Full PDB file with SEQRES, HELIX, SHEET, SSBOND, CRYST1, ORIGX, SCALE, CONECT and MASTER records, all heavy atoms in Angstrom:
SEQRES   1 A   42  ASN ILE LEU LEU THR ALA SER ASN LYS GLU LEU LEU ALA          
SEQRES   2 A   42  ILE ALA LEU TYR TYR LYS GLY LYS VAL THR LEU TYR PHE          
SEQRES   3 A   42  SER LYS ASN ARG ASP ILE SER LEU LYS TYR PHE ILE ASN          
SEQRES   4 A   42  CYS TYR TYR                                                  
HELIX    1 AA1 ILE A    2  THR A    5  1                                   4    
HELIX    2 AA2 LYS A    9  TYR A   25  1                                  17    
HELIX    3 AA3 ARG A   30  TYR A   41  1                                  12    
CRYST1    1.000    1.000    1.000  90.00  90.00  90.00 P 1           1          
ORIGX1      1.000000  0.000000  0.000000        0.00000                         
ORIGX2      0.000000  1.000000  0.000000        0.00000                         
ORIGX3      0.000000  0.000000  1.000000        0.00000                         
SCALE1      1.000000  0.000000  0.000000        0.00000                         
SCALE2      0.000000  1.000000  0.000000        0.00000                         
SCALE3      0.000000  0.000000  1.000000        0.00000                         
ATOM      1  N   ASN A   1      43.136  31.547  91.829  1.00  0.00           N  
ATOM      2  CA  ASN A   1      43.167  30.093  91.956  1.00  0.00           C  
ATOM      3  C   ASN A   1      43.902  29.460  90.773  1.00  0.00           C  
ATOM      4  O   ASN A   1      44.716  28.547  90.951  1.00  0.00           O  
ATOM      5  CB  ASN A   1      41.746  29.545  92.028  1.00  0.00           C  
ATOM      6  CG  ASN A   1      41.718  28.040  92.198  1.00  0.00           C  
ATOM      7  OD1 ASN A   1      42.212  27.500  93.189  1.00  0.00           O  
ATOM      8  ND2 ASN A   1      41.140  27.346  91.235  1.00  0.00           N  
ATOM      9  N   ILE A   2      43.642  29.945  89.574  1.00  0.00           N  
ATOM     10  CA  ILE A   2      44.309  29.420  88.380  1.00  0.00           C  
ATOM     11  C   ILE A   2      45.813  29.652  88.453  1.00  0.00           C  
ATOM     12  O   ILE A   2      46.617  28.753  88.161  1.00  0.00           O  
ATOM     13  CB  ILE A   2      43.727  30.073  87.109  1.00  0.00           C  
ATOM     14  CG1 ILE A   2      42.306  29.566  86.852  1.00  0.00           C  
ATOM     15  CG2 ILE A   2      44.609  29.785  85.888  1.00  0.00           C  
ATOM     16  CD1 ILE A   2      41.561  30.325  85.783  1.00  0.00           C  
ATOM     17  N   LEU A   3      46.207  30.843  88.866  1.00  0.00           N  
ATOM     18  CA  LEU A   3      47.630  31.173  88.907  1.00  0.00           C  
ATOM     19  C   LEU A   3      48.393  30.336  89.929  1.00  0.00           C  
ATOM     20  O   LEU A   3      49.591  30.105  89.783  1.00  0.00           O  
ATOM     21  CB  LEU A   3      47.815  32.665  89.215  1.00  0.00           C  
ATOM     22  CG  LEU A   3      47.310  33.625  88.127  1.00  0.00           C  
ATOM     23  CD1 LEU A   3      47.498  35.067  88.554  1.00  0.00           C  
ATOM     24  CD2 LEU A   3      48.015  33.364  86.801  1.00  0.00           C  
ATOM     25  N   LEU A   4      47.688  29.852  90.930  1.00  0.00           N  
ATOM     26  CA  LEU A   4      48.340  29.020  91.947  1.00  0.00           C  
ATOM     27  C   LEU A   4      48.331  27.537  91.602  1.00  0.00           C  
ATOM     28  O   LEU A   4      49.249  26.806  91.969  1.00  0.00           O  
ATOM     29  CB  LEU A   4      47.653  29.221  93.304  1.00  0.00           C  
ATOM     30  CG  LEU A   4      47.924  30.537  94.025  1.00  0.00           C  
ATOM     31  CD1 LEU A   4      47.046  30.645  95.262  1.00  0.00           C  
ATOM     32  CD2 LEU A   4      49.403  30.645  94.404  1.00  0.00           C  
ATOM     33  N   THR A   5      47.300  27.081  90.897  1.00  0.00           N  
ATOM     34  CA  THR A   5      47.111  25.631  90.765  1.00  0.00           C  
ATOM     35  C   THR A   5      47.163  25.079  89.341  1.00  0.00           C  
ATOM     36  O   THR A   5      47.462  23.906  89.156  1.00  0.00           O  
ATOM     37  CB  THR A   5      45.748  25.225  91.371  1.00  0.00           C  
ATOM     38  OG1 THR A   5      44.692  25.852  90.611  1.00  0.00           O  
ATOM     39  CG2 THR A   5      45.646  25.667  92.819  1.00  0.00           C  
ATOM     40  N   ALA A   6      46.848  25.885  88.336  1.00  0.00           N  
ATOM     41  CA  ALA A   6      46.716  25.343  86.974  1.00  0.00           C  
ATOM     42  C   ALA A   6      48.060  24.921  86.402  1.00  0.00           C  
ATOM     43  O   ALA A   6      49.103  25.516  86.704  1.00  0.00           O  
ATOM     44  CB  ALA A   6      46.062  26.365  86.053  1.00  0.00           C  
ATOM     45  N   SER A   7      48.012  23.895  85.550  1.00  0.00           N  
ATOM     46  CA  SER A   7      49.233  23.411  84.891  1.00  0.00           C  
ATOM     47  C   SER A   7      49.039  23.356  83.380  1.00  0.00           C  
ATOM     48  O   SER A   7      49.617  22.515  82.708  1.00  0.00           O  
ATOM     49  CB  SER A   7      49.607  22.025  85.428  1.00  0.00           C  
ATOM     50  OG  SER A   7      49.905  22.078  86.791  1.00  0.00           O  
ATOM     51  N   ASN A   8      48.227  24.256  82.888  1.00  0.00           N  
ATOM     52  CA  ASN A   8      47.991  24.338  81.457  1.00  0.00           C  
ATOM     53  C   ASN A   8      48.554  25.658  80.953  1.00  0.00           C  
ATOM     54  O   ASN A   8      48.206  26.719  81.454  1.00  0.00           O  
ATOM     55  CB  ASN A   8      46.485  24.257  81.173  1.00  0.00           C  
ATOM     56  CG  ASN A   8      46.162  24.483  79.719  1.00  0.00           C  
ATOM     57  OD1 ASN A   8      46.119  25.624  79.282  1.00  0.00           O  
ATOM     58  ND2 ASN A   8      45.953  23.430  78.980  1.00  0.00           N  
ATOM     59  N   LYS A   9      49.415  25.600  79.952  1.00  0.00           N  
ATOM     60  CA  LYS A   9      50.097  26.806  79.474  1.00  0.00           C  
ATOM     61  C   LYS A   9      49.125  27.885  79.018  1.00  0.00           C  
ATOM     62  O   LYS A   9      49.260  29.053  79.386  1.00  0.00           O  
ATOM     63  CB  LYS A   9      51.036  26.450  78.320  1.00  0.00           C  
ATOM     64  CG  LYS A   9      52.302  25.745  78.739  1.00  0.00           C  
ATOM     65  CD  LYS A   9      53.203  25.542  77.539  1.00  0.00           C  
ATOM     66  CE  LYS A   9      54.508  24.875  77.942  1.00  0.00           C  
ATOM     67  NZ  LYS A   9      55.401  24.680  76.777  1.00  0.00           N  
ATOM     68  N   GLU A  10      48.172  27.499  78.198  1.00  0.00           N  
ATOM     69  CA  GLU A  10      47.240  28.483  77.650  1.00  0.00           C  
ATOM     70  C   GLU A  10      46.423  29.141  78.757  1.00  0.00           C  
ATOM     71  O   GLU A  10      46.240  30.364  78.774  1.00  0.00           O  
ATOM     72  CB  GLU A  10      46.296  27.814  76.642  1.00  0.00           C  
ATOM     73  CG  GLU A  10      46.960  27.417  75.337  1.00  0.00           C  
ATOM     74  CD  GLU A  10      47.324  28.614  74.468  1.00  0.00           C  
ATOM     75  OE1 GLU A  10      46.716  29.689  74.639  1.00  0.00           O  
ATOM     76  OE2 GLU A  10      48.215  28.478  73.619  1.00  0.00           O  
ATOM     77  N   LEU A  11      45.920  28.334  79.661  1.00  0.00           N  
ATOM     78  CA  LEU A  11      45.083  28.852  80.739  1.00  0.00           C  
ATOM     79  C   LEU A  11      45.880  29.767  81.661  1.00  0.00           C  
ATOM     80  O   LEU A  11      45.412  30.841  82.064  1.00  0.00           O  
ATOM     81  CB  LEU A  11      44.468  27.696  81.532  1.00  0.00           C  
ATOM     82  CG  LEU A  11      43.483  28.077  82.642  1.00  0.00           C  
ATOM     83  CD1 LEU A  11      42.332  28.912  82.094  1.00  0.00           C  
ATOM     84  CD2 LEU A  11      42.949  26.822  83.322  1.00  0.00           C  
ATOM     85  N   LEU A  12      47.100  29.367  82.006  1.00  0.00           N  
ATOM     86  CA  LEU A  12      47.945  30.190  82.868  1.00  0.00           C  
ATOM     87  C   LEU A  12      48.296  31.514  82.204  1.00  0.00           C  
ATOM     88  O   LEU A  12      48.252  32.573  82.834  1.00  0.00           O  
ATOM     89  CB  LEU A  12      49.222  29.430  83.216  1.00  0.00           C  
ATOM     90  CG  LEU A  12      49.161  28.535  84.448  1.00  0.00           C  
ATOM     91  CD1 LEU A  12      50.347  27.593  84.482  1.00  0.00           C  
ATOM     92  CD2 LEU A  12      49.118  29.375  85.710  1.00  0.00           C  
ATOM     93  N   ALA A  13      48.647  31.455  80.929  1.00  0.00           N  
ATOM     94  CA  ALA A  13      49.021  32.671  80.208  1.00  0.00           C  
ATOM     95  C   ALA A  13      47.862  33.657  80.164  1.00  0.00           C  
ATOM     96  O   ALA A  13      48.027  34.858  80.419  1.00  0.00           O  
ATOM     97  CB  ALA A  13      49.468  32.321  78.791  1.00  0.00           C  
ATOM     98  N   ILE A  14      46.677  33.159  79.858  1.00  0.00           N  
ATOM     99  CA  ILE A  14      45.512  34.033  79.757  1.00  0.00           C  
ATOM    100  C   ILE A  14      45.097  34.550  81.135  1.00  0.00           C  
ATOM    101  O   ILE A  14      44.631  35.678  81.268  1.00  0.00           O  
ATOM    102  CB  ILE A  14      44.370  33.302  79.031  1.00  0.00           C  
ATOM    103  CG1 ILE A  14      44.719  33.212  77.540  1.00  0.00           C  
ATOM    104  CG2 ILE A  14      43.033  33.975  79.242  1.00  0.00           C  
ATOM    105  CD1 ILE A  14      43.759  32.460  76.691  1.00  0.00           C  
ATOM    106  N   ALA A  15      45.298  33.729  82.166  1.00  0.00           N  
ATOM    107  CA  ALA A  15      44.999  34.192  83.526  1.00  0.00           C  
ATOM    108  C   ALA A  15      45.926  35.354  83.904  1.00  0.00           C  
ATOM    109  O   ALA A  15      45.482  36.343  84.506  1.00  0.00           O  
ATOM    110  CB  ALA A  15      45.147  33.044  84.513  1.00  0.00           C  
ATOM    111  N   LEU A  16      47.208  35.251  83.559  1.00  0.00           N  
ATOM    112  CA  LEU A  16      48.141  36.346  83.821  1.00  0.00           C  
ATOM    113  C   LEU A  16      47.738  37.598  83.047  1.00  0.00           C  
ATOM    114  O   LEU A  16      47.785  38.719  83.571  1.00  0.00           O  
ATOM    115  CB  LEU A  16      49.564  35.935  83.428  1.00  0.00           C  
ATOM    116  CG  LEU A  16      50.336  35.108  84.447  1.00  0.00           C  
ATOM    117  CD1 LEU A  16      51.599  34.529  83.819  1.00  0.00           C  
ATOM    118  CD2 LEU A  16      50.696  35.958  85.665  1.00  0.00           C  
ATOM    119  N   TYR A  17      47.331  37.395  81.806  1.00  0.00           N  
ATOM    120  CA  TYR A  17      46.911  38.515  80.967  1.00  0.00           C  
ATOM    121  C   TYR A  17      45.699  39.227  81.569  1.00  0.00           C  
ATOM    122  O   TYR A  17      45.685  40.456  81.695  1.00  0.00           O  
ATOM    123  CB  TYR A  17      46.593  37.989  79.567  1.00  0.00           C  
ATOM    124  CG  TYR A  17      45.909  38.987  78.665  1.00  0.00           C  
ATOM    125  CD1 TYR A  17      46.620  40.046  78.099  1.00  0.00           C  
ATOM    126  CD2 TYR A  17      44.545  38.872  78.383  1.00  0.00           C  
ATOM    127  CE1 TYR A  17      45.994  40.964  77.271  1.00  0.00           C  
ATOM    128  CE2 TYR A  17      43.916  39.786  77.557  1.00  0.00           C  
ATOM    129  CZ  TYR A  17      44.633  40.826  77.004  1.00  0.00           C  
ATOM    130  OH  TYR A  17      44.010  41.736  76.186  1.00  0.00           O  
ATOM    131  N   TYR A  18      44.689  38.454  81.978  1.00  0.00           N  
ATOM    132  CA  TYR A  18      43.498  39.070  82.558  1.00  0.00           C  
ATOM    133  C   TYR A  18      43.779  39.689  83.925  1.00  0.00           C  
ATOM    134  O   TYR A  18      43.184  40.711  84.293  1.00  0.00           O  
ATOM    135  CB  TYR A  18      42.359  38.059  82.652  1.00  0.00           C  
ATOM    136  CG  TYR A  18      41.569  37.938  81.369  1.00  0.00           C  
ATOM    137  CD1 TYR A  18      41.455  36.718  80.716  1.00  0.00           C  
ATOM    138  CD2 TYR A  18      40.946  39.044  80.800  1.00  0.00           C  
ATOM    139  CE1 TYR A  18      40.742  36.603  79.524  1.00  0.00           C  
ATOM    140  CE2 TYR A  18      40.237  38.941  79.621  1.00  0.00           C  
ATOM    141  CZ  TYR A  18      40.140  37.721  78.987  1.00  0.00           C  
ATOM    142  OH  TYR A  18      39.443  37.627  77.813  1.00  0.00           O  
ATOM    143  N   LYS A  19      44.695  39.080  84.666  1.00  0.00           N  
ATOM    144  CA  LYS A  19      45.066  39.662  85.961  1.00  0.00           C  
ATOM    145  C   LYS A  19      45.697  41.036  85.739  1.00  0.00           C  
ATOM    146  O   LYS A  19      45.428  41.996  86.485  1.00  0.00           O  
ATOM    147  CB  LYS A  19      46.039  38.728  86.690  1.00  0.00           C  
ATOM    148  CG  LYS A  19      46.258  39.089  88.149  1.00  0.00           C  
ATOM    149  CD  LYS A  19      45.036  38.845  89.002  1.00  0.00           C  
ATOM    150  CE  LYS A  19      45.295  39.164  90.459  1.00  0.00           C  
ATOM    151  NZ  LYS A  19      44.112  38.978  91.299  1.00  0.00           N  
ATOM    152  N   GLY A  20      46.517  41.123  84.699  1.00  0.00           N  
ATOM    153  CA  GLY A  20      47.105  42.413  84.351  1.00  0.00           C  
ATOM    154  C   GLY A  20      46.047  43.417  83.935  1.00  0.00           C  
ATOM    155  O   GLY A  20      46.077  44.585  84.336  1.00  0.00           O  
ATOM    156  N   LYS A  21      45.086  42.966  83.131  1.00  0.00           N  
ATOM    157  CA  LYS A  21      44.024  43.853  82.655  1.00  0.00           C  
ATOM    158  C   LYS A  21      43.149  44.346  83.815  1.00  0.00           C  
ATOM    159  O   LYS A  21      42.804  45.532  83.889  1.00  0.00           O  
ATOM    160  CB  LYS A  21      43.144  43.111  81.643  1.00  0.00           C  
ATOM    161  CG  LYS A  21      43.856  42.694  80.375  1.00  0.00           C  
ATOM    162  CD  LYS A  21      43.643  43.657  79.244  1.00  0.00           C  
ATOM    163  CE  LYS A  21      42.254  43.546  78.678  1.00  0.00           C  
ATOM    164  NZ  LYS A  21      42.084  44.390  77.463  1.00  0.00           N  
ATOM    165  N   VAL A  22      42.782  43.435  84.711  1.00  0.00           N  
ATOM    166  CA  VAL A  22      41.947  43.810  85.853  1.00  0.00           C  
ATOM    167  C   VAL A  22      42.680  44.819  86.738  1.00  0.00           C  
ATOM    168  O   VAL A  22      42.099  45.829  87.167  1.00  0.00           O  
ATOM    169  CB  VAL A  22      41.568  42.556  86.678  1.00  0.00           C  
ATOM    170  CG1 VAL A  22      40.968  42.951  88.018  1.00  0.00           C  
ATOM    171  CG2 VAL A  22      40.592  41.687  85.901  1.00  0.00           C  
ATOM    172  N   THR A  23      43.953  44.545  86.991  1.00  0.00           N  
ATOM    173  CA  THR A  23      44.737  45.432  87.847  1.00  0.00           C  
ATOM    174  C   THR A  23      44.923  46.803  87.212  1.00  0.00           C  
ATOM    175  O   THR A  23      44.907  47.834  87.900  1.00  0.00           O  
ATOM    176  CB  THR A  23      46.120  44.809  88.134  1.00  0.00           C  
ATOM    177  OG1 THR A  23      45.950  43.473  88.617  1.00  0.00           O  
ATOM    178  CG2 THR A  23      46.883  45.615  89.177  1.00  0.00           C  
ATOM    179  N   LEU A  24      45.060  46.816  85.893  1.00  0.00           N  
ATOM    180  CA  LEU A  24      45.287  48.075  85.189  1.00  0.00           C  
ATOM    181  C   LEU A  24      44.015  48.894  85.031  1.00  0.00           C  
ATOM    182  O   LEU A  24      43.981  50.094  85.350  1.00  0.00           O  
ATOM    183  CB  LEU A  24      45.890  47.793  83.808  1.00  0.00           C  
ATOM    184  CG  LEU A  24      46.173  49.010  82.926  1.00  0.00           C  
ATOM    185  CD1 LEU A  24      47.225  49.906  83.557  1.00  0.00           C  
ATOM    186  CD2 LEU A  24      46.623  48.564  81.533  1.00  0.00           C  
ATOM    187  N   TYR A  25      42.955  48.267  84.578  1.00  0.00           N  
ATOM    188  CA  TYR A  25      41.759  49.020  84.185  1.00  0.00           C  
ATOM    189  C   TYR A  25      40.697  49.135  85.283  1.00  0.00           C  
ATOM    190  O   TYR A  25      39.845  50.018  85.211  1.00  0.00           O  
ATOM    191  CB  TYR A  25      41.148  48.398  82.936  1.00  0.00           C  
ATOM    192  CG  TYR A  25      42.083  48.465  81.749  1.00  0.00           C  
ATOM    193  CD1 TYR A  25      42.667  47.312  81.239  1.00  0.00           C  
ATOM    194  CD2 TYR A  25      42.403  49.689  81.165  1.00  0.00           C  
ATOM    195  CE1 TYR A  25      43.538  47.374  80.164  1.00  0.00           C  
ATOM    196  CE2 TYR A  25      43.279  49.756  80.093  1.00  0.00           C  
ATOM    197  CZ  TYR A  25      43.848  48.604  79.593  1.00  0.00           C  
ATOM    198  OH  TYR A  25      44.732  48.668  78.531  1.00  0.00           O  
ATOM    199  N   PHE A  26      40.758  48.264  86.278  1.00  0.00           N  
ATOM    200  CA  PHE A  26      39.783  48.356  87.366  1.00  0.00           C  
ATOM    201  C   PHE A  26      40.430  48.853  88.666  1.00  0.00           C  
ATOM    202  O   PHE A  26      39.849  49.667  89.374  1.00  0.00           O  
ATOM    203  CB  PHE A  26      39.102  47.009  87.602  1.00  0.00           C  
ATOM    204  CG  PHE A  26      38.210  46.591  86.460  1.00  0.00           C  
ATOM    205  CD1 PHE A  26      38.587  45.569  85.608  1.00  0.00           C  
ATOM    206  CD2 PHE A  26      37.002  47.228  86.224  1.00  0.00           C  
ATOM    207  CE1 PHE A  26      37.786  45.183  84.544  1.00  0.00           C  
ATOM    208  CE2 PHE A  26      36.186  46.855  85.166  1.00  0.00           C  
ATOM    209  CZ  PHE A  26      36.576  45.833  84.320  1.00  0.00           C  
ATOM    210  N   SER A  27      41.623  48.344  88.958  1.00  0.00           N  
ATOM    211  CA  SER A  27      42.320  48.788  90.178  1.00  0.00           C  
ATOM    212  C   SER A  27      43.210  49.998  89.925  1.00  0.00           C  
ATOM    213  O   SER A  27      43.708  50.609  90.881  1.00  0.00           O  
ATOM    214  CB  SER A  27      43.169  47.636  90.744  1.00  0.00           C  
ATOM    215  OG  SER A  27      42.364  46.519  91.041  1.00  0.00           O  
ATOM    216  N   LYS A  28      43.445  50.296  88.655  1.00  0.00           N  
ATOM    217  CA  LYS A  28      44.244  51.466  88.257  1.00  0.00           C  
ATOM    218  C   LYS A  28      45.664  51.427  88.819  1.00  0.00           C  
ATOM    219  O   LYS A  28      46.240  52.454  89.160  1.00  0.00           O  
ATOM    220  CB  LYS A  28      43.551  52.767  88.705  1.00  0.00           C  
ATOM    221  CG  LYS A  28      42.099  52.912  88.268  1.00  0.00           C  
ATOM    222  CD  LYS A  28      41.961  52.962  86.765  1.00  0.00           C  
ATOM    223  CE  LYS A  28      40.515  53.159  86.340  1.00  0.00           C  
ATOM    224  NZ  LYS A  28      40.334  53.151  84.869  1.00  0.00           N  
ATOM    225  N   ASN A  29      46.223  50.215  88.892  1.00  0.00           N  
ATOM    226  CA  ASN A  29      47.588  50.074  89.401  1.00  0.00           C  
ATOM    227  C   ASN A  29      48.481  49.633  88.245  1.00  0.00           C  
ATOM    228  O   ASN A  29      48.620  48.442  87.977  1.00  0.00           O  
ATOM    229  CB  ASN A  29      47.630  49.064  90.548  1.00  0.00           C  
ATOM    230  CG  ASN A  29      48.948  49.107  91.283  1.00  0.00           C  
ATOM    231  OD1 ASN A  29      50.004  49.320  90.696  1.00  0.00           O  
ATOM    232  ND2 ASN A  29      48.896  48.903  92.601  1.00  0.00           N  
ATOM    233  N   ARG A  30      49.078  50.592  87.570  1.00  0.00           N  
ATOM    234  CA  ARG A  30      49.856  50.308  86.372  1.00  0.00           C  
ATOM    235  C   ARG A  30      51.101  49.469  86.676  1.00  0.00           C  
ATOM    236  O   ARG A  30      51.416  48.522  85.941  1.00  0.00           O  
ATOM    237  CB  ARG A  30      50.273  51.617  85.709  1.00  0.00           C  
ATOM    238  CG  ARG A  30      51.166  51.446  84.481  1.00  0.00           C  
ATOM    239  CD  ARG A  30      51.523  52.798  83.864  1.00  0.00           C  
ATOM    240  NE  ARG A  30      52.643  52.671  82.963  1.00  0.00           N  
ATOM    241  CZ  ARG A  30      53.910  52.684  83.334  1.00  0.00           C  
ATOM    242  NH1 ARG A  30      54.216  52.807  84.636  1.00  0.00           N  
ATOM    243  NH2 ARG A  30      54.886  52.546  82.458  1.00  0.00           N  
ATOM    244  N   ASP A  31      51.817  49.767  87.734  1.00  0.00           N  
ATOM    245  CA  ASP A  31      53.061  49.065  88.035  1.00  0.00           C  
ATOM    246  C   ASP A  31      52.821  47.576  88.306  1.00  0.00           C  
ATOM    247  O   ASP A  31      53.557  46.716  87.814  1.00  0.00           O  
ATOM    248  CB  ASP A  31      53.763  49.697  89.241  1.00  0.00           C  
ATOM    249  CG  ASP A  31      54.298  51.090  88.918  1.00  0.00           C  
ATOM    250  OD1 ASP A  31      54.489  51.378  87.714  1.00  0.00           O  
ATOM    251  OD2 ASP A  31      54.486  51.890  89.857  1.00  0.00           O  
ATOM    252  N   ILE A  32      51.789  47.269  89.105  1.00  0.00           N  
ATOM    253  CA  ILE A  32      51.487  45.871  89.404  1.00  0.00           C  
ATOM    254  C   ILE A  32      50.990  45.149  88.160  1.00  0.00           C  
ATOM    255  O   ILE A  32      51.357  43.993  87.900  1.00  0.00           O  
ATOM    256  CB  ILE A  32      50.437  45.761  90.538  1.00  0.00           C  
ATOM    257  CG1 ILE A  32      50.976  46.368  91.823  1.00  0.00           C  
ATOM    258  CG2 ILE A  32      50.041  44.301  90.761  1.00  0.00           C  
ATOM    259  CD1 ILE A  32      52.206  45.670  92.367  1.00  0.00           C  
ATOM    260  N   SER A  33      50.183  45.839  87.377  1.00  0.00           N  
ATOM    261  CA  SER A  33      49.653  45.213  86.155  1.00  0.00           C  
ATOM    262  C   SER A  33      50.788  44.831  85.207  1.00  0.00           C  
ATOM    263  O   SER A  33      50.753  43.763  84.584  1.00  0.00           O  
ATOM    264  CB  SER A  33      48.668  46.144  85.452  1.00  0.00           C  
ATOM    265  OG  SER A  33      49.321  47.246  84.863  1.00  0.00           O  
ATOM    266  N   LEU A  34      51.784  45.691  85.101  1.00  0.00           N  
ATOM    267  CA  LEU A  34      52.912  45.402  84.209  1.00  0.00           C  
ATOM    268  C   LEU A  34      53.666  44.153  84.648  1.00  0.00           C  
ATOM    269  O   LEU A  34      54.191  43.416  83.812  1.00  0.00           O  
ATOM    270  CB  LEU A  34      53.859  46.599  84.145  1.00  0.00           C  
ATOM    271  CG  LEU A  34      53.360  47.800  83.327  1.00  0.00           C  
ATOM    272  CD1 LEU A  34      54.312  48.978  83.449  1.00  0.00           C  
ATOM    273  CD2 LEU A  34      53.165  47.411  81.873  1.00  0.00           C  
ATOM    274  N   LYS A  35      53.696  43.898  85.933  1.00  0.00           N  
ATOM    275  CA  LYS A  35      54.365  42.686  86.417  1.00  0.00           C  
ATOM    276  C   LYS A  35      53.659  41.435  85.898  1.00  0.00           C  
ATOM    277  O   LYS A  35      54.308  40.459  85.503  1.00  0.00           O  
ATOM    278  CB  LYS A  35      54.417  42.678  87.944  1.00  0.00           C  
ATOM    279  CG  LYS A  35      55.397  43.684  88.528  1.00  0.00           C  
ATOM    280  CD  LYS A  35      55.529  43.517  90.036  1.00  0.00           C  
ATOM    281  CE  LYS A  35      56.565  44.466  90.598  1.00  0.00           C  
ATOM    282  NZ  LYS A  35      56.763  44.276  92.064  1.00  0.00           N  
ATOM    283  N   TYR A  36      52.315  41.476  85.898  1.00  0.00           N  
ATOM    284  CA  TYR A  36      51.575  40.327  85.356  1.00  0.00           C  
ATOM    285  C   TYR A  36      51.830  40.170  83.861  1.00  0.00           C  
ATOM    286  O   TYR A  36      52.071  39.056  83.375  1.00  0.00           O  
ATOM    287  CB  TYR A  36      50.080  40.498  85.621  1.00  0.00           C  
ATOM    288  CG  TYR A  36      49.686  40.334  87.069  1.00  0.00           C  
ATOM    289  CD1 TYR A  36      49.162  41.392  87.796  1.00  0.00           C  
ATOM    290  CD2 TYR A  36      49.853  39.102  87.711  1.00  0.00           C  
ATOM    291  CE1 TYR A  36      48.803  41.238  89.130  1.00  0.00           C  
ATOM    292  CE2 TYR A  36      49.490  38.934  89.040  1.00  0.00           C  
ATOM    293  CZ  TYR A  36      48.964  40.011  89.746  1.00  0.00           C  
ATOM    294  OH  TYR A  36      48.612  39.856  91.071  1.00  0.00           O  
ATOM    295  N   PHE A  37      51.786  41.277  83.126  1.00  0.00           N  
ATOM    296  CA  PHE A  37      52.032  41.217  81.688  1.00  0.00           C  
ATOM    297  C   PHE A  37      53.458  40.729  81.392  1.00  0.00           C  
ATOM    298  O   PHE A  37      53.677  39.964  80.454  1.00  0.00           O  
ATOM    299  CB  PHE A  37      51.821  42.595  81.048  1.00  0.00           C  
ATOM    300  CG  PHE A  37      50.398  43.065  81.047  1.00  0.00           C  
ATOM    301  CD1 PHE A  37      50.082  44.378  81.395  1.00  0.00           C  
ATOM    302  CD2 PHE A  37      49.365  42.213  80.701  1.00  0.00           C  
ATOM    303  CE1 PHE A  37      48.774  44.825  81.393  1.00  0.00           C  
ATOM    304  CE2 PHE A  37      48.039  42.643  80.702  1.00  0.00           C  
ATOM    305  CZ  PHE A  37      47.748  43.956  81.051  1.00  0.00           C  
ATOM    306  N   ILE A  38      54.420  41.164  82.185  1.00  0.00           N  
ATOM    307  CA  ILE A  38      55.816  40.771  81.976  1.00  0.00           C  
ATOM    308  C   ILE A  38      56.008  39.284  82.246  1.00  0.00           C  
ATOM    309  O   ILE A  38      56.723  38.590  81.522  1.00  0.00           O  
ATOM    310  CB  ILE A  38      56.759  41.622  82.856  1.00  0.00           C  
ATOM    311  CG1 ILE A  38      56.807  43.060  82.331  1.00  0.00           C  
ATOM    312  CG2 ILE A  38      58.168  41.020  82.889  1.00  0.00           C  
ATOM    313  CD1 ILE A  38      57.485  44.041  83.276  1.00  0.00           C  
ATOM    314  N   ASN A  39      55.359  38.764  83.298  1.00  0.00           N  
ATOM    315  CA  ASN A  39      55.455  37.327  83.579  1.00  0.00           C  
ATOM    316  C   ASN A  39      54.829  36.503  82.458  1.00  0.00           C  
ATOM    317  O   ASN A  39      55.343  35.451  82.074  1.00  0.00           O  
ATOM    318  CB  ASN A  39      54.780  37.012  84.913  1.00  0.00           C  
ATOM    319  CG  ASN A  39      55.708  37.216  86.096  1.00  0.00           C  
ATOM    320  OD1 ASN A  39      56.488  36.340  86.439  1.00  0.00           O  
ATOM    321  ND2 ASN A  39      55.634  38.391  86.700  1.00  0.00           N  
ATOM    322  N   CYS A  40      53.712  36.995  81.922  1.00  0.00           N  
ATOM    323  CA  CYS A  40      53.079  36.316  80.784  1.00  0.00           C  
ATOM    324  C   CYS A  40      54.028  36.326  79.587  1.00  0.00           C  
ATOM    325  O   CYS A  40      54.187  35.311  78.896  1.00  0.00           O  
ATOM    326  CB  CYS A  40      51.767  37.013  80.434  1.00  0.00           C  
ATOM    327  SG  CYS A  40      50.859  36.232  79.091  1.00  0.00           S  
ATOM    328  N   TYR A  41      54.665  37.455  79.356  1.00  0.00           N  
ATOM    329  CA  TYR A  41      55.618  37.589  78.254  1.00  0.00           C  
ATOM    330  C   TYR A  41      56.818  36.665  78.439  1.00  0.00           C  
ATOM    331  O   TYR A  41      57.275  36.014  77.496  1.00  0.00           O  
ATOM    332  CB  TYR A  41      56.077  39.050  78.169  1.00  0.00           C  
ATOM    333  CG  TYR A  41      57.367  39.257  77.424  1.00  0.00           C  
ATOM    334  CD1 TYR A  41      57.417  39.201  76.039  1.00  0.00           C  
ATOM    335  CD2 TYR A  41      58.550  39.512  78.121  1.00  0.00           C  
ATOM    336  CE1 TYR A  41      58.622  39.392  75.361  1.00  0.00           C  
ATOM    337  CE2 TYR A  41      59.752  39.701  77.465  1.00  0.00           C  
ATOM    338  CZ  TYR A  41      59.778  39.647  76.081  1.00  0.00           C  
ATOM    339  OH  TYR A  41      60.972  39.815  75.410  1.00  0.00           O  
ATOM    340  N   TYR A  42      57.310  36.569  79.650  1.00  0.00           N  
ATOM    341  CA  TYR A  42      58.534  35.805  79.909  1.00  0.00           C  
ATOM    342  C   TYR A  42      58.303  34.300  79.861  1.00  0.00           C  
ATOM    343  O   TYR A  42      59.081  33.557  79.248  1.00  0.00           O  
ATOM    344  CB  TYR A  42      59.089  36.191  81.286  1.00  0.00           C  
ATOM    345  CG  TYR A  42      60.365  35.483  81.648  1.00  0.00           C  
ATOM    346  CD1 TYR A  42      61.591  35.902  81.138  1.00  0.00           C  
ATOM    347  CD2 TYR A  42      60.347  34.380  82.497  1.00  0.00           C  
ATOM    348  CE1 TYR A  42      62.765  35.246  81.461  1.00  0.00           C  
ATOM    349  CE2 TYR A  42      61.518  33.717  82.825  1.00  0.00           C  
ATOM    350  CZ  TYR A  42      62.725  34.154  82.309  1.00  0.00           C  
ATOM    351  OH  TYR A  42      63.871  33.489  82.621  1.00  0.00           O  
TER     352      TYR A  42                                                      
MASTER        0    0    0    3    0    0    0    6  351    1    0    4          
END                                                                             
């Protein structure tokens, strides 16, 4: 929901970061997680 609707830089960045963490450490999908981390970085 945050990634679709939020307009706050800090909140969006941290949401991308946690989405990457959840995908990496709970879903075990490294490739998808890196996409979230890369978008946060960019």
